[in-house]
């Protein structure tokens, strides 16, 4: 059971890392004054989003995958923007989708952990019941004589 949990959790963790990298690059892009730097950081963010999307497919978190795709689409608009203000606008939209993907992924990871822990609990619950049975037996009050 643990190997299965680790196998499913690895892609989710990899997606989380890449979404975080994308957000960091979006922040760097947003804080620059040069359109060339803005495009370079946006390109790095887009690459991180694409890596996250690949991992999200294996992770199975469709809502996060959809939001990451929307974010990647917006990065194309950043690259094609004809002025700096438009590029910043599309950058903020793309960052918003990436934050949404991160939120969905966090929910998926939490849901997975809850399901995994519930399955583990279900497999050990009968053992716990047997082990705890002596503690559950009620004692009879002493017989007054």
N, C-alpha and C. Protein backbone atom coordinates (compact mmCIF):
# COMPACT_ATOMS: atom_id res chain seq x y z
N UNK A 1 0.83 -1.19 0.00
CA UNK A 1 0.00 0.00 0.00
C UNK A 1 0.87 1.26 0.00
N UNK A 2 1.96 1.23 0.74
CA UNK A 2 2.83 2.40 0.82
C UNK A 2 3.50 2.68 -0.52
N UNK A 3 3.90 1.63 -1.24
CA UNK A 3 4.54 1.82 -2.55
C UNK A 3 3.56 2.47 -3.52
N UNK A 4 2.29 2.06 -3.48
CA UNK A 4 1.27 2.65 -4.33
C UNK A 4 1.07 4.12 -3.99
N UNK A 5 1.05 4.43 -2.72
CA UNK A 5 0.88 5.82 -2.29
C UNK A 5 2.05 6.68 -2.76
N UNK A 6 3.27 6.18 -2.62
CA UNK A 6 4.44 6.93 -3.07
C UNK A 6 4.44 7.11 -4.58
N UNK A 7 4.00 6.07 -5.30
CA UNK A 7 3.98 6.13 -6.76
C UNK A 7 3.02 7.22 -7.23
N UNK A 8 1.87 7.37 -6.60
CA UNK A 8 0.90 8.39 -6.98
C UNK A 8 1.28 9.77 -6.46
N UNK A 9 2.00 9.81 -5.35
CA UNK A 9 2.33 11.09 -4.72
C UNK A 9 3.49 11.79 -5.42
N UNK A 10 4.42 11.03 -6.00
CA UNK A 10 5.59 11.63 -6.64
C UNK A 10 5.21 12.60 -7.76
N UNK A 11 4.32 12.21 -8.70
CA UNK A 11 3.97 13.17 -9.75
C UNK A 11 3.28 14.42 -9.19
N UNK A 12 2.49 14.25 -8.16
CA UNK A 12 1.81 15.40 -7.55
C UNK A 12 2.84 16.34 -6.92
N UNK A 13 3.82 15.79 -6.24
CA UNK A 13 4.87 16.61 -5.64
C UNK A 13 5.70 17.31 -6.72
N UNK A 14 5.98 16.60 -7.81
CA UNK A 14 6.74 17.19 -8.91
C UNK A 14 5.94 18.33 -9.55
N UNK A 15 4.64 18.14 -9.71
CA UNK A 15 3.78 19.19 -10.26
C UNK A 15 3.79 20.40 -9.35
N UNK A 16 3.72 20.17 -8.05
CA UNK A 16 3.71 21.26 -7.07
C UNK A 16 5.01 22.07 -7.17
N UNK A 17 6.13 21.36 -7.26
CA UNK A 17 7.43 22.04 -7.37
C UNK A 17 7.48 22.91 -8.62
N UNK A 18 7.00 22.38 -9.74
CA UNK A 18 7.04 23.13 -11.00
C UNK A 18 6.08 24.30 -11.00
N UNK A 19 4.92 24.15 -10.39
CA UNK A 19 4.00 25.28 -10.27
C UNK A 19 4.63 26.38 -9.41
N UNK A 20 5.35 25.98 -8.38
CA UNK A 20 6.03 26.95 -7.52
C UNK A 20 7.13 27.67 -8.30
N UNK A 21 7.87 26.94 -9.12
CA UNK A 21 8.90 27.56 -9.96
C UNK A 21 8.26 28.55 -10.94
N UNK A 22 7.13 28.17 -11.51
CA UNK A 22 6.42 29.07 -12.43
C UNK A 22 6.02 30.35 -11.71
N UNK A 23 5.48 30.23 -10.52
CA UNK A 23 5.07 31.42 -9.76
C UNK A 23 6.27 32.33 -9.45
N UNK A 24 7.38 31.74 -9.10
CA UNK A 24 8.59 32.54 -8.82
C UNK A 24 9.04 33.30 -10.06
N UNK A 25 8.98 32.64 -11.21
CA UNK A 25 9.38 33.31 -12.45
C UNK A 25 8.37 34.37 -12.87
N UNK A 26 7.10 34.14 -12.61
CA UNK A 26 6.10 35.18 -12.87
C UNK A 26 6.39 36.41 -12.02
N UNK A 27 6.74 36.19 -10.76
CA UNK A 27 7.06 37.32 -9.87
C UNK A 27 8.28 38.09 -10.39
N UNK A 28 9.30 37.35 -10.83
CA UNK A 28 10.49 38.02 -11.37
C UNK A 28 10.15 38.81 -12.63
N UNK A 29 9.30 38.22 -13.47
CA UNK A 29 8.89 38.91 -14.69
C UNK A 29 8.11 40.17 -14.37
N UNK A 30 7.25 40.08 -13.40
CA UNK A 30 6.40 41.21 -13.06
C UNK A 30 7.21 42.36 -12.45
N UNK A 31 8.31 42.02 -11.79
CA UNK A 31 9.12 43.04 -11.11
C UNK A 31 10.24 43.62 -11.97
N UNK A 32 10.31 43.23 -13.21
CA UNK A 32 11.34 43.78 -14.09
C UNK A 32 10.83 45.01 -14.85
N UNK A 33 11.77 45.83 -15.30
CA UNK A 33 11.42 47.02 -16.08
C UNK A 33 11.70 46.84 -17.57
N UNK A 34 12.24 45.70 -17.94
CA UNK A 34 12.65 45.49 -19.32
C UNK A 34 11.80 44.40 -19.97
N UNK A 35 11.31 44.69 -21.16
CA UNK A 35 10.45 43.72 -21.84
C UNK A 35 11.20 42.43 -22.19
N UNK A 36 12.50 42.54 -22.47
CA UNK A 36 13.27 41.33 -22.77
C UNK A 36 13.33 40.42 -21.54
N UNK A 37 13.59 41.00 -20.36
CA UNK A 37 13.63 40.21 -19.12
C UNK A 37 12.24 39.64 -18.81
N UNK A 38 11.22 40.44 -19.04
CA UNK A 38 9.85 39.98 -18.80
C UNK A 38 9.56 38.74 -19.65
N UNK A 39 9.97 38.78 -20.90
CA UNK A 39 9.73 37.63 -21.79
C UNK A 39 10.58 36.42 -21.38
N UNK A 40 11.82 36.67 -20.97
CA UNK A 40 12.68 35.56 -20.54
C UNK A 40 12.12 34.86 -19.30
N UNK A 41 11.70 35.63 -18.33
CA UNK A 41 11.12 35.02 -17.12
C UNK A 41 9.78 34.36 -17.43
N UNK A 42 9.04 34.95 -18.34
CA UNK A 42 7.77 34.33 -18.74
C UNK A 42 8.03 33.01 -19.44
N UNK A 43 9.05 32.95 -20.27
CA UNK A 43 9.41 31.71 -20.95
C UNK A 43 9.77 30.63 -19.93
N UNK A 44 10.52 31.01 -18.90
CA UNK A 44 10.88 30.05 -17.85
C UNK A 44 9.64 29.59 -17.10
N UNK A 45 8.73 30.52 -16.85
CA UNK A 45 7.48 30.15 -16.17
C UNK A 45 6.67 29.20 -17.03
N UNK A 46 6.62 29.48 -18.32
CA UNK A 46 5.87 28.61 -19.25
C UNK A 46 6.46 27.21 -19.25
N UNK A 47 7.79 27.11 -19.30
CA UNK A 47 8.44 25.80 -19.28
C UNK A 47 8.12 25.04 -17.99
N UNK A 48 8.11 25.75 -16.89
CA UNK A 48 7.75 25.12 -15.61
C UNK A 48 6.29 24.67 -15.62
N UNK A 49 5.42 25.48 -16.22
CA UNK A 49 4.00 25.10 -16.35
C UNK A 49 3.84 23.84 -17.19
N UNK A 50 4.58 23.75 -18.28
CA UNK A 50 4.50 22.57 -19.14
C UNK A 50 4.97 21.31 -18.40
N UNK A 51 6.05 21.45 -17.63
CA UNK A 51 6.51 20.32 -16.82
C UNK A 51 5.47 19.95 -15.76
N UNK A 52 4.86 20.96 -15.17
CA UNK A 52 3.82 20.71 -14.17
C UNK A 52 2.64 19.99 -14.81
N UNK A 53 2.27 20.39 -16.02
CA UNK A 53 1.15 19.77 -16.71
C UNK A 53 1.42 18.29 -16.97
N UNK A 54 2.64 17.95 -17.37
CA UNK A 54 2.99 16.54 -17.58
C UNK A 54 2.85 15.76 -16.28
N UNK A 55 3.32 16.33 -15.19
CA UNK A 55 3.21 15.65 -13.90
C UNK A 55 1.75 15.58 -13.43
N UNK A 56 0.98 16.62 -13.72
CA UNK A 56 -0.43 16.64 -13.31
C UNK A 56 -1.24 15.55 -14.02
N UNK A 57 -0.86 15.23 -15.24
CA UNK A 57 -1.54 14.13 -15.94
C UNK A 57 -1.35 12.83 -15.17
N UNK A 58 -0.12 12.58 -14.69
CA UNK A 58 0.16 11.37 -13.91
C UNK A 58 -0.44 11.44 -12.52
N UNK A 59 -0.54 12.64 -12.01
CA UNK A 59 -1.10 12.85 -10.67
C UNK A 59 -2.61 12.61 -10.66
N UNK A 60 -3.27 12.97 -11.76
CA UNK A 60 -4.70 12.75 -11.84
C UNK A 60 -5.55 13.90 -11.34
N UNK A 61 -4.97 15.07 -11.21
CA UNK A 61 -5.72 16.23 -10.72
C UNK A 61 -6.15 17.09 -11.91
N UNK A 62 -7.33 16.80 -12.44
CA UNK A 62 -7.79 17.41 -13.68
C UNK A 62 -8.04 18.91 -13.55
N UNK A 63 -8.58 19.36 -12.43
CA UNK A 63 -8.84 20.79 -12.26
C UNK A 63 -7.54 21.58 -12.29
N UNK A 64 -6.52 21.05 -11.63
CA UNK A 64 -5.21 21.73 -11.63
C UNK A 64 -4.61 21.71 -13.03
N UNK A 65 -4.78 20.61 -13.74
CA UNK A 65 -4.27 20.50 -15.10
C UNK A 65 -4.94 21.53 -16.01
N UNK A 66 -6.23 21.68 -15.87
CA UNK A 66 -6.97 22.64 -16.69
C UNK A 66 -6.53 24.07 -16.40
N UNK A 67 -6.37 24.40 -15.13
CA UNK A 67 -5.93 25.76 -14.77
C UNK A 67 -4.50 26.02 -15.25
N UNK A 68 -3.63 25.01 -15.14
CA UNK A 68 -2.25 25.17 -15.62
C UNK A 68 -2.23 25.38 -17.14
N UNK A 69 -3.10 24.67 -17.84
CA UNK A 69 -3.19 24.85 -19.29
C UNK A 69 -3.63 26.27 -19.63
N UNK A 70 -4.62 26.77 -18.91
CA UNK A 70 -5.06 28.15 -19.13
C UNK A 70 -3.92 29.14 -18.87
N UNK A 71 -3.13 28.87 -17.84
CA UNK A 71 -1.98 29.72 -17.54
C UNK A 71 -0.95 29.68 -18.65
N UNK A 72 -0.70 28.49 -19.20
CA UNK A 72 0.27 28.36 -20.29
C UNK A 72 -0.23 29.09 -21.55
N UNK A 73 -1.51 29.03 -21.80
CA UNK A 73 -2.08 29.74 -22.95
C UNK A 73 -1.87 31.25 -22.80
N UNK A 74 -2.06 31.75 -21.59
CA UNK A 74 -1.88 33.19 -21.34
C UNK A 74 -0.43 33.61 -21.51
N UNK A 75 0.52 32.70 -21.27
CA UNK A 75 1.93 33.07 -21.45
C UNK A 75 2.21 33.37 -22.92
N UNK A 76 1.51 32.70 -23.82
CA UNK A 76 1.68 32.99 -25.25
C UNK A 76 1.26 34.43 -25.55
N UNK A 77 0.23 34.89 -24.88
CA UNK A 77 -0.24 36.26 -25.08
C UNK A 77 0.78 37.27 -24.55
N UNK A 78 1.46 36.89 -23.47
CA UNK A 78 2.53 37.76 -22.94
C UNK A 78 3.59 37.93 -24.01
N UNK A 79 3.99 36.82 -24.61
CA UNK A 79 5.07 36.85 -25.60
C UNK A 79 4.68 37.63 -26.86
N UNK A 80 3.40 37.64 -27.19
CA UNK A 80 2.93 38.31 -28.40
C UNK A 80 2.48 39.76 -28.15
N UNK A 81 2.43 40.18 -26.91
CA UNK A 81 1.96 41.53 -26.59
C UNK A 81 2.84 42.57 -27.26
N UNK A 82 2.19 43.60 -27.77
CA UNK A 82 2.93 44.64 -28.49
C UNK A 82 3.41 45.77 -27.58
N UNK A 83 2.85 45.85 -26.37
CA UNK A 83 3.36 46.87 -25.44
C UNK A 83 3.52 46.26 -24.05
N UNK A 84 4.30 46.93 -23.26
CA UNK A 84 4.68 46.43 -21.93
C UNK A 84 3.47 46.28 -21.01
N UNK A 85 2.54 47.21 -21.06
CA UNK A 85 1.37 47.17 -20.18
C UNK A 85 0.48 45.96 -20.48
N UNK A 86 0.29 45.68 -21.77
CA UNK A 86 -0.50 44.50 -22.14
C UNK A 86 0.20 43.22 -21.68
N UNK A 87 1.52 43.18 -21.84
CA UNK A 87 2.28 42.02 -21.41
C UNK A 87 2.12 41.80 -19.91
N UNK A 88 2.17 42.88 -19.13
CA UNK A 88 1.98 42.77 -17.68
C UNK A 88 0.58 42.27 -17.34
N UNK A 89 -0.41 42.73 -18.10
CA UNK A 89 -1.78 42.29 -17.86
C UNK A 89 -1.89 40.77 -18.08
N UNK A 90 -1.42 40.30 -19.24
CA UNK A 90 -1.50 38.86 -19.52
C UNK A 90 -0.65 38.05 -18.55
N UNK A 91 0.44 38.64 -18.11
CA UNK A 91 1.28 37.99 -17.12
C UNK A 91 0.51 37.78 -15.82
N UNK A 92 -0.23 38.80 -15.39
CA UNK A 92 -0.99 38.67 -14.15
C UNK A 92 -2.12 37.65 -14.30
N UNK A 93 -2.72 37.59 -15.48
CA UNK A 93 -3.77 36.59 -15.73
C UNK A 93 -3.17 35.18 -15.67
N UNK A 94 -2.03 35.01 -16.30
CA UNK A 94 -1.36 33.71 -16.30
C UNK A 94 -0.96 33.30 -14.89
N UNK A 95 -0.47 34.27 -14.12
CA UNK A 95 -0.09 33.99 -12.74
C UNK A 95 -1.32 33.59 -11.93
N UNK A 96 -2.44 34.24 -12.17
CA UNK A 96 -3.68 33.90 -11.48
C UNK A 96 -4.11 32.46 -11.75
N UNK A 97 -4.02 32.04 -13.01
CA UNK A 97 -4.35 30.65 -13.35
C UNK A 97 -3.39 29.68 -12.67
N UNK A 98 -2.13 30.07 -12.58
CA UNK A 98 -1.13 29.21 -11.94
C UNK A 98 -1.41 29.08 -10.45
N UNK A 99 -1.80 30.17 -9.81
CA UNK A 99 -2.19 30.11 -8.40
C UNK A 99 -3.42 29.21 -8.22
N UNK A 100 -4.35 29.31 -9.16
CA UNK A 100 -5.54 28.46 -9.11
C UNK A 100 -5.15 26.98 -9.24
N UNK A 101 -4.22 26.69 -10.16
CA UNK A 101 -3.74 25.32 -10.33
C UNK A 101 -3.09 24.81 -9.04
N UNK A 102 -2.31 25.68 -8.40
CA UNK A 102 -1.66 25.32 -7.14
C UNK A 102 -2.71 25.01 -6.06
N UNK A 103 -3.75 25.80 -6.02
CA UNK A 103 -4.82 25.59 -5.04
C UNK A 103 -5.53 24.26 -5.29
N UNK A 104 -5.87 24.00 -6.55
CA UNK A 104 -6.51 22.73 -6.89
C UNK A 104 -5.60 21.55 -6.57
N UNK A 105 -4.33 21.69 -6.86
CA UNK A 105 -3.39 20.61 -6.59
C UNK A 105 -3.27 20.36 -5.08
N UNK A 106 -3.24 21.41 -4.31
CA UNK A 106 -3.19 21.26 -2.85
C UNK A 106 -4.41 20.48 -2.36
N UNK A 107 -5.58 20.80 -2.91
CA UNK A 107 -6.79 20.07 -2.55
C UNK A 107 -6.69 18.60 -2.95
N UNK A 108 -6.15 18.33 -4.15
CA UNK A 108 -6.00 16.95 -4.61
C UNK A 108 -5.06 16.17 -3.71
N UNK A 109 -3.96 16.78 -3.34
CA UNK A 109 -2.99 16.11 -2.47
C UNK A 109 -3.62 15.81 -1.12
N UNK A 110 -4.34 16.77 -0.59
CA UNK A 110 -5.01 16.57 0.70
C UNK A 110 -6.04 15.46 0.60
N UNK A 111 -6.82 15.46 -0.47
CA UNK A 111 -7.84 14.42 -0.66
C UNK A 111 -7.19 13.06 -0.79
N UNK A 112 -6.09 12.99 -1.53
CA UNK A 112 -5.36 11.74 -1.68
C UNK A 112 -4.86 11.23 -0.34
N UNK A 113 -4.28 12.13 0.46
CA UNK A 113 -3.77 11.72 1.77
C UNK A 113 -4.88 11.24 2.68
N UNK A 114 -6.03 11.90 2.62
CA UNK A 114 -7.15 11.47 3.44
C UNK A 114 -7.63 10.09 3.02
N UNK A 115 -7.74 9.87 1.70
CA UNK A 115 -8.16 8.56 1.20
C UNK A 115 -7.14 7.50 1.58
N UNK A 116 -5.86 7.82 1.41
CA UNK A 116 -4.81 6.86 1.73
C UNK A 116 -4.84 6.51 3.21
N UNK A 117 -4.94 7.53 4.06
CA UNK A 117 -4.98 7.27 5.50
C UNK A 117 -6.23 6.48 5.88
N UNK A 118 -7.35 6.75 5.22
CA UNK A 118 -8.57 6.00 5.51
C UNK A 118 -8.40 4.54 5.13
N UNK A 119 -7.75 4.27 3.98
CA UNK A 119 -7.52 2.88 3.57
C UNK A 119 -6.59 2.18 4.55
N UNK A 120 -5.55 2.88 4.99
CA UNK A 120 -4.63 2.30 5.96
C UNK A 120 -5.39 2.03 7.26
N UNK A 121 -6.21 2.98 7.68
CA UNK A 121 -6.97 2.78 8.91
C UNK A 121 -7.93 1.60 8.78
N UNK A 122 -8.57 1.46 7.62
CA UNK A 122 -9.48 0.34 7.41
C UNK A 122 -8.76 -0.99 7.48
N UNK A 123 -7.51 -1.04 7.04
CA UNK A 123 -6.78 -2.31 7.08
C UNK A 123 -6.27 -2.62 8.48
N UNK A 124 -6.03 -1.60 9.29
CA UNK A 124 -5.54 -1.88 10.64
C UNK A 124 -6.64 -1.82 11.70
N UNK A 125 -7.81 -1.34 11.34
CA UNK A 125 -8.89 -1.21 12.32
C UNK A 125 -9.26 -2.55 12.95
N UNK A 126 -9.41 -3.65 12.19
CA UNK A 126 -9.73 -4.92 12.84
C UNK A 126 -8.66 -5.35 13.84
N UNK A 127 -7.40 -5.07 13.50
CA UNK A 127 -6.31 -5.41 14.42
C UNK A 127 -6.42 -4.57 15.68
N UNK A 128 -6.70 -3.28 15.54
CA UNK A 128 -6.87 -2.41 16.70
C UNK A 128 -8.02 -2.87 17.57
N UNK A 129 -9.10 -3.30 16.94
CA UNK A 129 -10.28 -3.72 17.68
C UNK A 129 -9.94 -4.93 18.56
N UNK A 130 -9.20 -5.88 18.00
CA UNK A 130 -8.80 -7.06 18.77
C UNK A 130 -7.86 -6.65 19.88
N UNK A 131 -6.94 -5.77 19.59
CA UNK A 131 -5.97 -5.36 20.61
C UNK A 131 -6.62 -4.55 21.72
N UNK A 132 -7.63 -3.78 21.37
CA UNK A 132 -8.30 -2.94 22.36
C UNK A 132 -9.44 -3.66 23.06
N UNK A 133 -9.82 -4.82 22.60
CA UNK A 133 -10.97 -5.52 23.16
C UNK A 133 -10.89 -5.72 24.68
N UNK A 134 -9.75 -6.12 25.22
CA UNK A 134 -9.71 -6.28 26.68
C UNK A 134 -10.01 -4.98 27.43
N UNK A 135 -9.65 -3.85 26.86
CA UNK A 135 -9.91 -2.57 27.51
C UNK A 135 -11.39 -2.20 27.44
N UNK A 136 -12.08 -2.75 26.49
CA UNK A 136 -13.48 -2.41 26.28
C UNK A 136 -14.40 -3.23 27.16
N UNK A 137 -13.96 -4.42 27.59
CA UNK A 137 -14.81 -5.30 28.40
C UNK A 137 -15.18 -4.60 29.69
N UNK A 138 -16.48 -4.58 29.94
CA UNK A 138 -16.97 -3.92 31.15
C UNK A 138 -16.75 -4.84 32.34
N UNK A 139 -16.37 -4.24 33.43
CA UNK A 139 -16.21 -5.02 34.64
C UNK A 139 -17.54 -5.06 35.38
N UNK A 140 -17.84 -6.22 35.94
CA UNK A 140 -19.07 -6.36 36.71
C UNK A 140 -18.83 -5.83 38.11
N UNK A 141 -19.84 -5.16 38.63
CA UNK A 141 -19.66 -4.64 40.00
C UNK A 141 -19.53 -5.81 40.98
N UNK A 142 -18.82 -5.61 42.06
CA UNK A 142 -18.64 -6.71 43.03
C UNK A 142 -20.01 -7.13 43.60
N UNK A 143 -20.14 -8.40 43.86
CA UNK A 143 -21.37 -8.98 44.40
C UNK A 143 -21.42 -8.73 45.89
N UNK A 144 -22.39 -7.92 46.36
CA UNK A 144 -22.46 -7.65 47.81
C UNK A 144 -22.91 -8.90 48.57
N UNK A 145 -22.27 -9.24 49.63
CA UNK A 145 -22.65 -10.41 50.44
C UNK A 145 -22.91 -10.05 51.86
